[in-house]
Amino acid sequence: VLMTYISTAQAKGQASIQTKIDVAAG
C-alpha cells in the first residue's frame, strides 16, 4: 500500500491520517 500526502509548497492546514492494519496468518 503506497500512501502519499501532497499539497502545494505554500499551503497550510491540518492533515490527520489514521491507518489500521489487520495482517492475518501467513
PDB file of all heavy atoms in Angstrom:
ATOM      1  N   VAL A   1       0.858  -1.187   0.000  1.00  0.00           N
ATOM      2  CA  VAL A   1       0.000   0.000   0.000  1.00  0.00           C
ATOM      3  C   VAL A   1       0.891   1.232   0.000  1.00  0.00           C
ATOM      4  O   VAL A   1       1.699   1.429   0.915  1.00  0.00           O
ATOM      5  CB  VAL A   1      -0.944   0.013   1.210  1.00  0.00           C
ATOM      6  CG1 VAL A   1      -1.829   1.264   1.174  1.00  0.00           C
ATOM      7  CG2 VAL A   1      -1.807  -1.242   1.238  1.00  0.00           C
ATOM      8  N   LEU A   2       0.757   2.046  -1.033  1.00  0.00           N
ATOM      9  CA  LEU A   2       1.537   3.273  -1.184  1.00  0.00           C
ATOM     10  C   LEU A   2       0.639   4.456  -0.849  1.00  0.00           C
ATOM     11  O   LEU A   2      -0.339   4.724  -1.545  1.00  0.00           O
ATOM     12  CB  LEU A   2       2.053   3.408  -2.615  1.00  0.00           C
ATOM     13  CG  LEU A   2       2.859   2.231  -3.163  1.00  0.00           C
ATOM     14  CD1 LEU A   2       2.981   2.325  -4.679  1.00  0.00           C
ATOM     15  CD2 LEU A   2       4.249   2.199  -2.525  1.00  0.00           C
ATOM     16  N   MET A   3       0.972   5.181   0.219  1.00  0.00           N
ATOM     17  CA  MET A   3       0.180   6.334   0.632  1.00  0.00           C
ATOM     18  C   MET A   3       1.028   7.593   0.497  1.00  0.00           C
ATOM     19  O   MET A   3       2.136   7.668   1.025  1.00  0.00           O
ATOM     20  CB  MET A   3      -0.298   6.169   2.079  1.00  0.00           C
ATOM     21  CG  MET A   3      -1.234   4.995   2.294  1.00  0.00           C
ATOM     22  SD  MET A   3      -1.743   4.803   4.029  1.00  0.00           S
ATOM     23  CE  MET A   3      -2.623   6.331   4.307  1.00  0.00           C
ATOM     24  N   THR A   4       0.483   8.593  -0.209  1.00  0.00           N
ATOM     25  CA  THR A   4       1.199   9.838  -0.442  1.00  0.00           C
ATOM     26  C   THR A   4       0.332  11.003  -0.008  1.00  0.00           C
ATOM     27  O   THR A   4      -0.844  11.086  -0.389  1.00  0.00           O
ATOM     28  CB  THR A   4       1.571   9.991  -1.930  1.00  0.00           C
ATOM     29  OG1 THR A   4       2.221   8.802  -2.383  1.00  0.00           O
ATOM     30  CG2 THR A   4       2.502  11.171  -2.133  1.00  0.00           C
ATOM     31  N   TYR A   5       0.908  11.927   0.769  1.00  0.00           N
ATOM     32  CA  TYR A   5       0.209  13.117   1.228  1.00  0.00           C
ATOM     33  C   TYR A   5       0.861  14.327   0.556  1.00  0.00           C
ATOM     34  O   TYR A   5       2.058  14.587   0.754  1.00  0.00           O
ATOM     35  CB  TYR A   5       0.291  13.268   2.745  1.00  0.00           C
ATOM     36  CG  TYR A   5       0.115  11.974   3.531  1.00  0.00           C
ATOM     37  CD1 TYR A   5       0.890  11.711   4.658  1.00  0.00           C
ATOM     38  CD2 TYR A   5      -0.839  11.033   3.156  1.00  0.00           C
ATOM     39  CE1 TYR A   5       0.733  10.547   5.391  1.00  0.00           C
ATOM     40  CE2 TYR A   5      -1.007   9.859   3.882  1.00  0.00           C
ATOM     41  CZ  TYR A   5      -0.216   9.625   4.998  1.00  0.00           C
ATOM     42  OH  TYR A   5      -0.372   8.458   5.709  1.00  0.00           O
ATOM     43  N   ILE A   6       0.084  15.094  -0.201  1.00  0.00           N
ATOM     44  CA  ILE A   6       0.630  16.152  -1.035  1.00  0.00           C
ATOM     45  C   ILE A   6      -0.187  17.443  -0.894  1.00  0.00           C
ATOM     46  O   ILE A   6      -1.404  17.410  -0.721  1.00  0.00           O
ATOM     47  CB  ILE A   6       0.628  15.739  -2.525  1.00  0.00           C
ATOM     48  CG1 ILE A   6       1.325  14.401  -2.732  1.00  0.00           C
ATOM     49  CG2 ILE A   6       1.296  16.792  -3.405  1.00  0.00           C
ATOM     50  CD1 ILE A   6       1.243  13.887  -4.159  1.00  0.00           C
ATOM     51  N   SER A   7       0.510  18.575  -0.985  1.00  0.00           N
ATOM     52  CA  SER A   7      -0.133  19.877  -1.151  1.00  0.00           C
ATOM     53  C   SER A   7       0.855  20.779  -1.884  1.00  0.00           C
ATOM     54  O   SER A   7       1.986  20.376  -2.165  1.00  0.00           O
ATOM     55  CB  SER A   7      -0.504  20.483   0.208  1.00  0.00           C
ATOM     56  OG  SER A   7       0.653  20.986   0.863  1.00  0.00           O
ATOM     57  N   THR A   8       0.448  22.008  -2.166  1.00  0.00           N
ATOM     58  CA  THR A   8       1.398  22.965  -2.716  1.00  0.00           C
ATOM     59  C   THR A   8       2.379  23.389  -1.629  1.00  0.00           C
ATOM     60  O   THR A   8       2.103  23.265  -0.424  1.00  0.00           O
ATOM     61  CB  THR A   8       0.680  24.205  -3.263  1.00  0.00           C
ATOM     62  OG1 THR A   8      -0.021  24.841  -2.181  1.00  0.00           O
ATOM     63  CG2 THR A   8      -0.304  23.816  -4.353  1.00  0.00           C
ATOM     64  N   ALA A   9       3.529  23.915  -2.043  1.00  0.00           N
ATOM     65  CA  ALA A   9       4.589  24.253  -1.090  1.00  0.00           C
ATOM     66  C   ALA A   9       4.159  25.321  -0.094  1.00  0.00           C
ATOM     67  O   ALA A   9       4.582  25.316   1.069  1.00  0.00           O
ATOM     68  CB  ALA A   9       5.838  24.707  -1.841  1.00  0.00           C
ATOM     69  N   GLN A  10       3.300  26.245  -0.513  1.00  0.00           N
ATOM     70  CA  GLN A  10       2.905  27.361   0.350  1.00  0.00           C
ATOM     71  C   GLN A  10       1.644  27.077   1.160  1.00  0.00           C
ATOM     72  O   GLN A  10       1.231  27.909   1.960  1.00  0.00           O
ATOM     73  CB  GLN A  10       2.682  28.615  -0.504  1.00  0.00           C
ATOM     74  CG  GLN A  10       3.864  28.998  -1.383  1.00  0.00           C
ATOM     75  CD  GLN A  10       5.100  29.322  -0.584  1.00  0.00           C
ATOM     76  OE1 GLN A  10       5.012  29.839   0.525  1.00  0.00           O
ATOM     77  NE2 GLN A  10       6.275  29.024  -1.132  1.00  0.00           N
ATOM     78  N   ALA A  11       1.047  25.916   0.960  1.00  0.00           N
ATOM     79  CA  ALA A  11      -0.237  25.626   1.604  1.00  0.00           C
ATOM     80  C   ALA A  11      -0.087  25.434   3.105  1.00  0.00           C
ATOM     81  O   ALA A  11       0.964  25.032   3.601  1.00  0.00           O
ATOM     82  CB  ALA A  11      -0.869  24.383   0.979  1.00  0.00           C
ATOM     83  N   LYS A  12      -1.162  25.727   3.823  1.00  0.00           N
ATOM     84  CA  LYS A  12      -1.206  25.488   5.260  1.00  0.00           C
ATOM     85  C   LYS A  12      -2.511  24.802   5.592  1.00  0.00           C
ATOM     86  O   LYS A  12      -3.486  24.845   4.837  1.00  0.00           O
ATOM     87  CB  LYS A  12      -1.072  26.797   6.030  1.00  0.00           C
ATOM     88  CG  LYS A  12      -2.178  27.794   5.769  1.00  0.00           C
ATOM     89  CD  LYS A  12      -1.941  29.078   6.554  1.00  0.00           C
ATOM     90  CE  LYS A  12      -3.033  30.114   6.242  1.00  0.00           C
ATOM     91  NZ  LYS A  12      -2.796  31.375   7.002  1.00  0.00           N
ATOM     92  N   GLY A  13      -2.522  24.127   6.744  1.00  0.00           N
ATOM     93  CA  GLY A  13      -3.730  23.427   7.157  1.00  0.00           C
ATOM     94  C   GLY A  13      -3.422  22.369   8.185  1.00  0.00           C
ATOM     95  O   GLY A  13      -2.371  22.397   8.851  1.00  0.00           O
ATOM     96  N   GLN A  14      -4.342  21.435   8.337  1.00  0.00           N
ATOM     97  CA  GLN A  14      -4.215  20.355   9.318  1.00  0.00           C
ATOM     98  C   GLN A  14      -4.598  19.049   8.643  1.00  0.00           C
ATOM     99  O   GLN A  14      -5.732  18.878   8.198  1.00  0.00           O
ATOM    100  CB  GLN A  14      -5.138  20.639  10.511  1.00  0.00           C
ATOM    101  CG  GLN A  14      -5.045  19.639  11.645  1.00  0.00           C
ATOM    102  CD  GLN A  14      -5.919  20.058  12.812  1.00  0.00           C
ATOM    103  OE1 GLN A  14      -5.797  21.161  13.338  1.00  0.00           O
ATOM    104  NE2 GLN A  14      -6.824  19.174  13.220  1.00  0.00           N
ATOM    105  N   ALA A  15      -3.634  18.142   8.540  1.00  0.00           N
ATOM    106  CA  ALA A  15      -3.849  16.862   7.870  1.00  0.00           C
ATOM    107  C   ALA A  15      -3.635  15.738   8.873  1.00  0.00           C
ATOM    108  O   ALA A  15      -2.506  15.500   9.315  1.00  0.00           O
ATOM    109  CB  ALA A  15      -2.895  16.704   6.691  1.00  0.00           C
ATOM    110  N   SER A  16      -4.705  15.048   9.221  1.00  0.00           N
ATOM    111  CA  SER A  16      -4.644  13.942  10.178  1.00  0.00           C
ATOM    112  C   SER A  16      -5.044  12.653   9.465  1.00  0.00           C
ATOM    113  O   SER A  16      -6.077  12.609   8.806  1.00  0.00           O
ATOM    114  CB  SER A  16      -5.573  14.191  11.363  1.00  0.00           C
ATOM    115  OG  SER A  16      -5.257  15.409  12.018  1.00  0.00           O
ATOM    116  N   ILE A  17      -4.215  11.640   9.612  1.00  0.00           N
ATOM    117  CA  ILE A  17      -4.471  10.352   8.968  1.00  0.00           C
ATOM    118  C   ILE A  17      -4.254   9.236   9.974  1.00  0.00           C
ATOM    119  O   ILE A  17      -3.229   9.205  10.663  1.00  0.00           O
ATOM    120  CB  ILE A  17      -3.559  10.119   7.748  1.00  0.00           C
ATOM    121  CG1 ILE A  17      -3.734  11.230   6.711  1.00  0.00           C
ATOM    122  CG2 ILE A  17      -3.843   8.759   7.114  1.00  0.00           C
ATOM    123  CD1 ILE A  17      -2.650  12.275   6.765  1.00  0.00           C
ATOM    124  N   GLN A  18      -5.205   8.335  10.060  1.00  0.00           N
ATOM    125  CA  GLN A  18      -5.059   7.137  10.890  1.00  0.00           C
ATOM    126  C   GLN A  18      -5.162   5.915   9.983  1.00  0.00           C
ATOM    127  O   GLN A  18      -6.110   5.792   9.210  1.00  0.00           O
ATOM    128  CB  GLN A  18      -6.133   7.076  11.961  1.00  0.00           C
ATOM    129  CG  GLN A  18      -6.007   5.863  12.874  1.00  0.00           C
ATOM    130  CD  GLN A  18      -7.123   5.796  13.906  1.00  0.00           C
ATOM    131  OE1 GLN A  18      -8.285   5.609  13.548  1.00  0.00           O
ATOM    132  NE2 GLN A  18      -6.791   5.956  15.171  1.00  0.00           N
ATOM    133  N   THR A  19      -4.173   5.032  10.080  1.00  0.00           N
ATOM    134  CA  THR A  19      -4.152   3.816   9.267  1.00  0.00           C
ATOM    135  C   THR A  19      -4.096   2.611  10.187  1.00  0.00           C
ATOM    136  O   THR A  19      -3.197   2.519  11.028  1.00  0.00           O
ATOM    137  CB  THR A  19      -2.932   3.806   8.322  1.00  0.00           C
ATOM    138  OG1 THR A  19      -2.917   5.019   7.552  1.00  0.00           O
ATOM    139  CG2 THR A  19      -2.991   2.617   7.375  1.00  0.00           C
ATOM    140  N   LYS A  20      -5.044   1.687  10.021  1.00  0.00           N
ATOM    141  CA  LYS A  20      -5.067   0.468  10.829  1.00  0.00           C
ATOM    142  C   LYS A  20      -4.969  -0.745   9.915  1.00  0.00           C
ATOM    143  O   LYS A  20      -5.617  -0.791   8.866  1.00  0.00           O
ATOM    144  CB  LYS A  20      -6.326   0.405  11.688  1.00  0.00           C
ATOM    145  CG  LYS A  20      -6.369   1.489  12.779  1.00  0.00           C
ATOM    146  CD  LYS A  20      -7.547   1.299  13.716  1.00  0.00           C
ATOM    147  CE  LYS A  20      -7.527   2.309  14.859  1.00  0.00           C
ATOM    148  NZ  LYS A  20      -8.634   2.082  15.815  1.00  0.00           N
ATOM    149  N   ILE A  21      -4.170  -1.718  10.346  1.00  0.00           N
ATOM    150  CA  ILE A  21      -3.890  -2.883   9.512  1.00  0.00           C
ATOM    151  C   ILE A  21      -4.107  -4.153  10.297  1.00  0.00           C
ATOM    152  O   ILE A  21      -3.593  -4.305  11.406  1.00  0.00           O
ATOM    153  CB  ILE A  21      -2.435  -2.847   8.995  1.00  0.00           C
ATOM    154  CG1 ILE A  21      -2.118  -1.493   8.342  1.00  0.00           C
ATOM    155  CG2 ILE A  21      -2.176  -3.973   8.014  1.00  0.00           C
ATOM    156  CD1 ILE A  21      -1.310  -0.570   9.213  1.00  0.00           C
ATOM    157  N   ASP A  22      -4.858  -5.078   9.701  1.00  0.00           N
ATOM    158  CA  ASP A  22      -5.044  -6.418  10.258  1.00  0.00           C
ATOM    159  C   ASP A  22      -4.357  -7.399   9.315  1.00  0.00           C
ATOM    160  O   ASP A  22      -4.808  -7.582   8.177  1.00  0.00           O
ATOM    161  CB  ASP A  22      -6.531  -6.733  10.400  1.00  0.00           C
ATOM    162  CG  ASP A  22      -6.765  -8.131  10.961  1.00  0.00           C
ATOM    163  OD1 ASP A  22      -5.987  -8.562  11.829  1.00  0.00           O
ATOM    164  OD2 ASP A  22      -7.720  -8.792  10.515  1.00  0.00           O
ATOM    165  N   VAL A  23      -3.277  -8.014   9.783  1.00  0.00           N
ATOM    166  CA  VAL A  23      -2.495  -8.926   8.948  1.00  0.00           C
ATOM    167  C   VAL A  23      -2.769 -10.352   9.420  1.00  0.00           C
ATOM    168  O   VAL A  23      -2.316 -10.762  10.492  1.00  0.00           O
ATOM    169  CB  VAL A  23      -0.986  -8.612   9.021  1.00  0.00           C
ATOM    170  CG1 VAL A  23      -0.231  -9.382   7.939  1.00  0.00           C
ATOM    171  CG2 VAL A  23      -0.730  -7.118   8.882  1.00  0.00           C
ATOM    172  N   ALA A  24      -3.510 -11.094   8.631  1.00  0.00           N
ATOM    173  CA  ALA A  24      -3.919 -12.448   9.008  1.00  0.00           C
ATOM    174  C   ALA A  24      -2.731 -13.413   8.931  1.00  0.00           C
ATOM    175  O   ALA A  24      -1.640 -13.064   8.461  1.00  0.00           O
ATOM    176  CB  ALA A  24      -5.045 -12.921   8.102  1.00  0.00           C
ATOM    177  N   ALA A  25      -2.952 -14.635   9.410  1.00  0.00           N
ATOM    178  CA  ALA A  25      -1.896 -15.656   9.429  1.00  0.00           C
ATOM    179  C   ALA A  25      -1.318 -15.851   8.024  1.00  0.00           C
ATOM    180  O   ALA A  25      -2.052 -16.036   7.054  1.00  0.00           O
ATOM    181  CB  ALA A  25      -2.464 -16.975   9.945  1.00  0.00           C
ATOM    182  N   GLY A  26       0.007 -15.768   7.935  1.00  0.00           N
ATOM    183  CA  GLY A  26       0.693 -16.001   6.674  1.00  0.00           C
ATOM    184  C   GLY A  26       0.630 -14.865   5.682  1.00  0.00           C
ATOM    185  O   GLY A  26       1.198 -14.964   4.592  1.00  0.00           O
TER     186      GLY A  26
END
